[in-house]
């Protein structure tokens, strides 16, 4: 399964960006679909995830600012990021976990300037 992420770029603090991730296979029955990020000098961390039941979980640092959603028809996962902060600067990766395996997108860089 291939994942193609896009939507990153340079944005000013308090701005918004929407990331998209298109999968080459269906995501309806995935155990979880999510977004992770790796900031410079830091380990990769979970940003947001939708589990099979439809429930969502967010990192504390992004709650109230980021929203994850998915479109099963188009096999696409989105991450709407609002009120961005310089600390959100990172490479963002989409992830789909089917249970029998998981797949990663290539990463898209989001740079937030102060």
N, C-alpha and C. Protein backbone atom coordinates (compact mmCIF):
# COMPACT_ATOMS: atom_id res chain seq x y z
N UNK A 1 0.86 -1.18 0.00
CA UNK A 1 0.00 0.00 0.00
C UNK A 1 0.89 1.23 0.00
N UNK A 2 0.60 2.14 -0.88
CA UNK A 2 1.38 3.38 -0.96
C UNK A 2 0.55 4.55 -0.46
N UNK A 3 1.21 5.43 0.27
CA UNK A 3 0.57 6.62 0.80
C UNK A 3 1.26 7.85 0.24
N UNK A 4 0.48 8.77 -0.26
CA UNK A 4 1.02 10.00 -0.83
C UNK A 4 0.48 11.18 -0.04
N UNK A 5 1.39 11.83 0.68
CA UNK A 5 0.99 12.98 1.50
C UNK A 5 1.35 14.27 0.80
N UNK A 6 0.54 15.28 1.03
CA UNK A 6 0.83 16.59 0.46
C UNK A 6 0.17 17.65 1.33
N UNK A 7 0.52 18.89 1.06
CA UNK A 7 -0.10 20.02 1.75
C UNK A 7 0.83 20.80 2.65
N UNK A 8 2.05 20.31 2.83
CA UNK A 8 2.97 21.03 3.68
C UNK A 8 3.50 22.29 3.02
N UNK A 9 4.26 23.05 3.79
CA UNK A 9 4.85 24.27 3.25
C UNK A 9 5.20 25.22 4.37
N UNK A 10 5.43 26.46 3.98
CA UNK A 10 5.78 27.51 4.93
C UNK A 10 4.54 28.31 5.28
N UNK A 11 4.30 28.47 6.57
CA UNK A 11 3.13 29.21 7.03
C UNK A 11 3.52 30.07 8.22
N UNK A 12 2.87 31.18 8.38
CA UNK A 12 3.15 32.06 9.51
C UNK A 12 2.42 31.56 10.76
N UNK A 13 2.97 31.90 11.89
CA UNK A 13 2.33 31.54 13.15
C UNK A 13 0.89 32.07 13.16
N UNK A 14 0.03 31.25 13.75
CA UNK A 14 -1.43 31.50 13.84
C UNK A 14 -2.15 31.24 12.51
N UNK A 15 -1.39 30.77 11.52
CA UNK A 15 -2.00 30.41 10.25
C UNK A 15 -2.53 28.99 10.27
N UNK A 16 -3.03 28.56 9.10
CA UNK A 16 -3.64 27.23 8.97
C UNK A 16 -3.08 26.51 7.76
N UNK A 17 -3.07 25.20 7.87
CA UNK A 17 -2.64 24.33 6.77
C UNK A 17 -3.48 23.06 6.85
N UNK A 18 -3.80 22.49 5.69
CA UNK A 18 -4.47 21.20 5.67
C UNK A 18 -3.59 20.19 4.93
N UNK A 19 -3.28 19.13 5.60
CA UNK A 19 -2.52 18.04 5.00
C UNK A 19 -3.48 16.98 4.49
N UNK A 20 -3.10 16.35 3.39
CA UNK A 20 -3.88 15.25 2.83
C UNK A 20 -2.97 14.05 2.61
N UNK A 21 -3.55 12.89 2.72
CA UNK A 21 -2.80 11.66 2.50
C UNK A 21 -3.71 10.68 1.76
N UNK A 22 -3.33 10.36 0.55
CA UNK A 22 -4.13 9.45 -0.28
C UNK A 22 -3.49 8.07 -0.28
N UNK A 23 -4.31 7.06 0.02
CA UNK A 23 -3.82 5.69 0.04
C UNK A 23 -4.18 4.98 -1.27
N UNK A 24 -3.32 4.06 -1.67
CA UNK A 24 -3.57 3.31 -2.91
C UNK A 24 -4.52 2.14 -2.68
N UNK A 25 -4.92 1.91 -1.43
CA UNK A 25 -5.87 0.86 -1.10
C UNK A 25 -6.93 1.42 -0.15
N UNK A 26 -8.00 0.67 0.02
CA UNK A 26 -9.07 1.13 0.88
C UNK A 26 -8.65 1.30 2.32
N UNK A 27 -9.24 2.29 2.99
CA UNK A 27 -8.91 2.55 4.39
C UNK A 27 -10.09 2.29 5.30
N UNK A 28 -11.21 1.89 4.74
CA UNK A 28 -12.42 1.71 5.53
C UNK A 28 -12.21 0.74 6.68
N UNK A 29 -11.52 -0.36 6.42
CA UNK A 29 -11.36 -1.40 7.43
C UNK A 29 -10.03 -1.34 8.16
N UNK A 30 -9.34 -0.22 8.03
CA UNK A 30 -8.08 -0.08 8.76
C UNK A 30 -8.34 0.00 10.26
N UNK A 31 -7.46 -0.56 11.04
CA UNK A 31 -7.57 -0.44 12.50
C UNK A 31 -7.43 1.00 12.95
N UNK A 32 -6.56 1.72 12.27
CA UNK A 32 -6.33 3.11 12.63
C UNK A 32 -5.68 3.85 11.47
N UNK A 33 -6.01 5.10 11.35
CA UNK A 33 -5.34 5.99 10.40
C UNK A 33 -4.91 7.21 11.19
N UNK A 34 -3.70 7.66 10.94
CA UNK A 34 -3.22 8.76 11.77
C UNK A 34 -2.12 9.57 11.14
N UNK A 35 -1.75 10.60 11.87
CA UNK A 35 -0.65 11.49 11.50
C UNK A 35 0.36 11.52 12.64
N UNK A 36 1.62 11.46 12.27
CA UNK A 36 2.73 11.57 13.19
C UNK A 36 3.62 12.72 12.70
N UNK A 37 4.51 13.14 13.56
CA UNK A 37 5.45 14.17 13.13
C UNK A 37 6.79 13.99 13.82
N UNK A 38 7.82 14.46 13.15
CA UNK A 38 9.15 14.47 13.72
C UNK A 38 9.71 15.87 13.59
N UNK A 39 9.86 16.51 14.73
CA UNK A 39 10.44 17.85 14.76
C UNK A 39 11.97 17.74 14.76
N UNK A 40 12.66 18.78 14.35
CA UNK A 40 14.13 18.74 14.33
C UNK A 40 14.70 18.38 15.69
N UNK A 41 15.54 17.36 15.72
CA UNK A 41 16.19 16.96 16.96
C UNK A 41 15.32 16.18 17.92
N UNK A 42 14.11 15.82 17.49
CA UNK A 42 13.21 15.10 18.38
C UNK A 42 12.77 13.78 17.75
N UNK A 43 12.20 12.93 18.57
CA UNK A 43 11.69 11.66 18.08
C UNK A 43 10.31 11.85 17.45
N UNK A 44 9.96 10.90 16.62
CA UNK A 44 8.64 10.94 16.01
C UNK A 44 7.56 10.78 17.08
N UNK A 45 6.49 11.54 16.95
CA UNK A 45 5.43 11.47 17.93
C UNK A 45 4.08 11.42 17.23
N UNK A 46 3.11 10.82 17.92
CA UNK A 46 1.76 10.78 17.41
C UNK A 46 1.13 12.16 17.51
N UNK A 47 0.48 12.59 16.43
CA UNK A 47 -0.23 13.87 16.43
C UNK A 47 -1.73 13.62 16.60
N UNK A 48 -2.28 12.76 15.75
CA UNK A 48 -3.72 12.50 15.80
C UNK A 48 -4.01 11.16 15.13
N UNK A 49 -5.06 10.50 15.59
CA UNK A 49 -5.40 9.19 15.04
C UNK A 49 -6.91 8.99 15.09
N UNK A 50 -7.42 8.29 14.08
CA UNK A 50 -8.81 7.83 14.07
C UNK A 50 -8.75 6.31 14.14
N UNK A 51 -9.41 5.74 15.12
CA UNK A 51 -9.43 4.29 15.21
C UNK A 51 -10.68 3.76 14.52
N UNK A 52 -10.77 2.44 14.39
CA UNK A 52 -11.81 1.81 13.60
C UNK A 52 -13.21 2.25 14.02
N UNK A 53 -13.41 2.45 15.31
CA UNK A 53 -14.73 2.83 15.82
C UNK A 53 -15.14 4.23 15.41
N UNK A 54 -14.17 4.99 14.96
CA UNK A 54 -14.42 6.38 14.61
C UNK A 54 -13.95 7.36 15.65
N UNK A 55 -13.54 6.85 16.79
CA UNK A 55 -13.02 7.73 17.84
C UNK A 55 -11.69 8.32 17.41
N UNK A 56 -11.43 9.50 17.94
CA UNK A 56 -10.18 10.19 17.62
C UNK A 56 -9.38 10.46 18.90
N UNK A 57 -8.08 10.50 18.73
CA UNK A 57 -7.18 10.86 19.82
C UNK A 57 -6.17 11.87 19.30
N UNK A 58 -5.81 12.80 20.17
CA UNK A 58 -4.88 13.85 19.79
C UNK A 58 -3.78 13.99 20.84
N UNK A 59 -2.62 14.40 20.37
CA UNK A 59 -1.57 14.80 21.31
C UNK A 59 -2.06 16.02 22.07
N UNK A 60 -1.69 16.10 23.32
CA UNK A 60 -2.13 17.22 24.15
C UNK A 60 -1.75 18.56 23.53
N UNK A 61 -0.61 18.60 22.89
CA UNK A 61 -0.09 19.86 22.35
C UNK A 61 -0.90 20.40 21.18
N UNK A 62 -1.74 19.55 20.57
CA UNK A 62 -2.50 19.99 19.41
C UNK A 62 -4.00 20.01 19.64
N UNK A 63 -4.45 19.55 20.78
CA UNK A 63 -5.89 19.51 21.06
C UNK A 63 -6.49 20.90 20.94
N UNK A 64 -7.63 20.95 20.25
CA UNK A 64 -8.30 22.22 20.06
C UNK A 64 -7.79 23.01 18.88
N UNK A 65 -6.68 22.57 18.30
CA UNK A 65 -6.13 23.29 17.14
C UNK A 65 -6.12 22.44 15.87
N UNK A 66 -5.91 21.15 16.04
CA UNK A 66 -5.83 20.23 14.90
C UNK A 66 -7.07 19.34 14.86
N UNK A 67 -7.47 18.96 13.65
CA UNK A 67 -8.59 18.05 13.47
C UNK A 67 -8.23 17.01 12.42
N UNK A 68 -8.37 15.75 12.78
CA UNK A 68 -8.14 14.67 11.83
C UNK A 68 -9.48 14.18 11.30
N UNK A 69 -9.49 13.85 10.03
CA UNK A 69 -10.70 13.31 9.42
C UNK A 69 -10.30 12.39 8.27
N UNK A 70 -11.25 11.64 7.77
CA UNK A 70 -10.96 10.76 6.65
C UNK A 70 -12.16 10.64 5.74
N UNK A 71 -11.87 10.33 4.51
CA UNK A 71 -12.89 10.10 3.50
C UNK A 71 -12.68 8.69 2.96
N UNK A 72 -13.51 7.76 3.38
CA UNK A 72 -13.32 6.37 2.96
C UNK A 72 -13.54 6.18 1.46
N UNK A 73 -14.39 7.02 0.89
CA UNK A 73 -14.67 6.89 -0.54
C UNK A 73 -13.42 7.16 -1.36
N UNK A 74 -12.67 8.16 -0.93
CA UNK A 74 -11.49 8.57 -1.68
C UNK A 74 -10.19 8.08 -1.04
N UNK A 75 -10.31 7.23 0.00
CA UNK A 75 -9.12 6.66 0.66
C UNK A 75 -8.15 7.76 1.09
N UNK A 76 -8.70 8.81 1.66
CA UNK A 76 -7.89 9.97 2.00
C UNK A 76 -8.04 10.32 3.48
N UNK A 77 -6.93 10.67 4.08
CA UNK A 77 -6.89 11.12 5.47
C UNK A 77 -6.45 12.58 5.47
N UNK A 78 -7.09 13.38 6.29
CA UNK A 78 -6.77 14.80 6.35
C UNK A 78 -6.31 15.18 7.76
N UNK A 79 -5.52 16.24 7.80
CA UNK A 79 -5.18 16.85 9.07
C UNK A 79 -5.31 18.36 8.89
N UNK A 80 -6.35 18.92 9.47
CA UNK A 80 -6.55 20.36 9.46
C UNK A 80 -5.82 20.95 10.65
N UNK A 81 -4.90 21.84 10.39
CA UNK A 81 -4.08 22.42 11.45
C UNK A 81 -4.34 23.92 11.50
N UNK A 82 -4.87 24.39 12.60
CA UNK A 82 -5.18 25.80 12.79
C UNK A 82 -4.35 26.39 13.92
N UNK A 83 -4.26 27.70 13.92
CA UNK A 83 -3.52 28.40 14.97
C UNK A 83 -2.13 27.79 15.16
N UNK A 84 -1.43 27.63 14.08
CA UNK A 84 -0.13 26.98 14.13
C UNK A 84 0.88 27.78 14.93
N UNK A 85 1.77 27.05 15.56
CA UNK A 85 2.84 27.64 16.37
C UNK A 85 4.18 27.21 15.81
N UNK A 86 5.23 27.99 16.04
CA UNK A 86 6.56 27.56 15.56
C UNK A 86 6.93 26.16 16.05
N UNK A 87 6.43 25.78 17.22
CA UNK A 87 6.73 24.45 17.76
C UNK A 87 6.09 23.32 16.95
N UNK A 88 5.19 23.67 16.04
CA UNK A 88 4.57 22.66 15.17
C UNK A 88 5.43 22.34 13.95
N UNK A 89 6.51 23.07 13.79
CA UNK A 89 7.41 22.81 12.67
C UNK A 89 7.95 21.38 12.75
N UNK A 90 7.73 20.62 11.68
CA UNK A 90 8.11 19.21 11.68
C UNK A 90 7.82 18.61 10.32
N UNK A 91 8.35 17.42 10.12
CA UNK A 91 7.92 16.60 8.98
C UNK A 91 6.74 15.76 9.47
N UNK A 92 5.65 15.83 8.75
CA UNK A 92 4.43 15.12 9.13
C UNK A 92 4.28 13.88 8.25
N UNK A 93 3.98 12.77 8.90
CA UNK A 93 3.84 11.48 8.22
C UNK A 93 2.44 10.92 8.46
N UNK A 94 1.82 10.43 7.41
CA UNK A 94 0.57 9.71 7.59
C UNK A 94 0.87 8.23 7.78
N UNK A 95 -0.04 7.58 8.46
CA UNK A 95 0.14 6.17 8.79
C UNK A 95 -1.20 5.47 8.73
N UNK A 96 -1.21 4.28 8.15
CA UNK A 96 -2.41 3.44 8.14
C UNK A 96 -2.03 2.08 8.70
N UNK A 97 -2.75 1.69 9.71
CA UNK A 97 -2.50 0.42 10.39
C UNK A 97 -3.68 -0.51 10.11
N UNK A 98 -3.39 -1.56 9.35
CA UNK A 98 -4.43 -2.53 9.04
C UNK A 98 -4.48 -3.69 10.03
N UNK A 99 -3.54 -3.72 10.93
CA UNK A 99 -3.45 -4.82 11.87
C UNK A 99 -2.45 -5.86 11.40
N UNK A 100 -2.60 -6.31 10.17
CA UNK A 100 -1.65 -7.28 9.61
C UNK A 100 -0.38 -6.61 9.13
N UNK A 101 -0.41 -5.28 8.97
CA UNK A 101 0.75 -4.49 8.59
C UNK A 101 0.37 -3.02 8.70
N UNK A 102 1.37 -2.17 8.69
CA UNK A 102 1.11 -0.74 8.68
C UNK A 102 2.00 -0.10 7.63
N UNK A 103 1.54 1.06 7.15
CA UNK A 103 2.23 1.73 6.05
C UNK A 103 2.39 3.21 6.37
N UNK A 104 3.47 3.78 5.82
CA UNK A 104 3.81 5.17 6.08
C UNK A 104 3.90 5.96 4.78
N UNK A 105 3.46 7.21 4.87
CA UNK A 105 3.68 8.12 3.77
C UNK A 105 5.11 8.62 3.79
N UNK A 106 5.47 9.39 2.77
CA UNK A 106 6.85 9.83 2.62
C UNK A 106 7.18 11.04 3.48
N UNK A 107 6.19 11.65 4.07
CA UNK A 107 6.44 12.81 4.91
C UNK A 107 6.28 14.10 4.14
N UNK A 108 5.71 15.09 4.79
CA UNK A 108 5.58 16.41 4.20
C UNK A 108 5.99 17.44 5.25
N UNK A 109 6.83 18.38 4.87
CA UNK A 109 7.40 19.34 5.80
C UNK A 109 6.46 20.52 6.00
N UNK A 110 6.22 20.82 7.25
CA UNK A 110 5.48 22.02 7.63
C UNK A 110 6.41 22.91 8.44
N UNK A 111 6.62 24.12 7.98
CA UNK A 111 7.48 25.08 8.67
C UNK A 111 6.64 26.26 9.09
N UNK A 112 6.64 26.54 10.38
CA UNK A 112 5.85 27.65 10.91
C UNK A 112 6.80 28.76 11.35
N UNK A 113 6.67 29.90 10.74
CA UNK A 113 7.55 31.02 11.06
C UNK A 113 6.89 31.92 12.11
N UNK A 114 7.72 32.47 12.97
CA UNK A 114 7.19 33.32 14.06
C UNK A 114 7.04 34.75 13.61
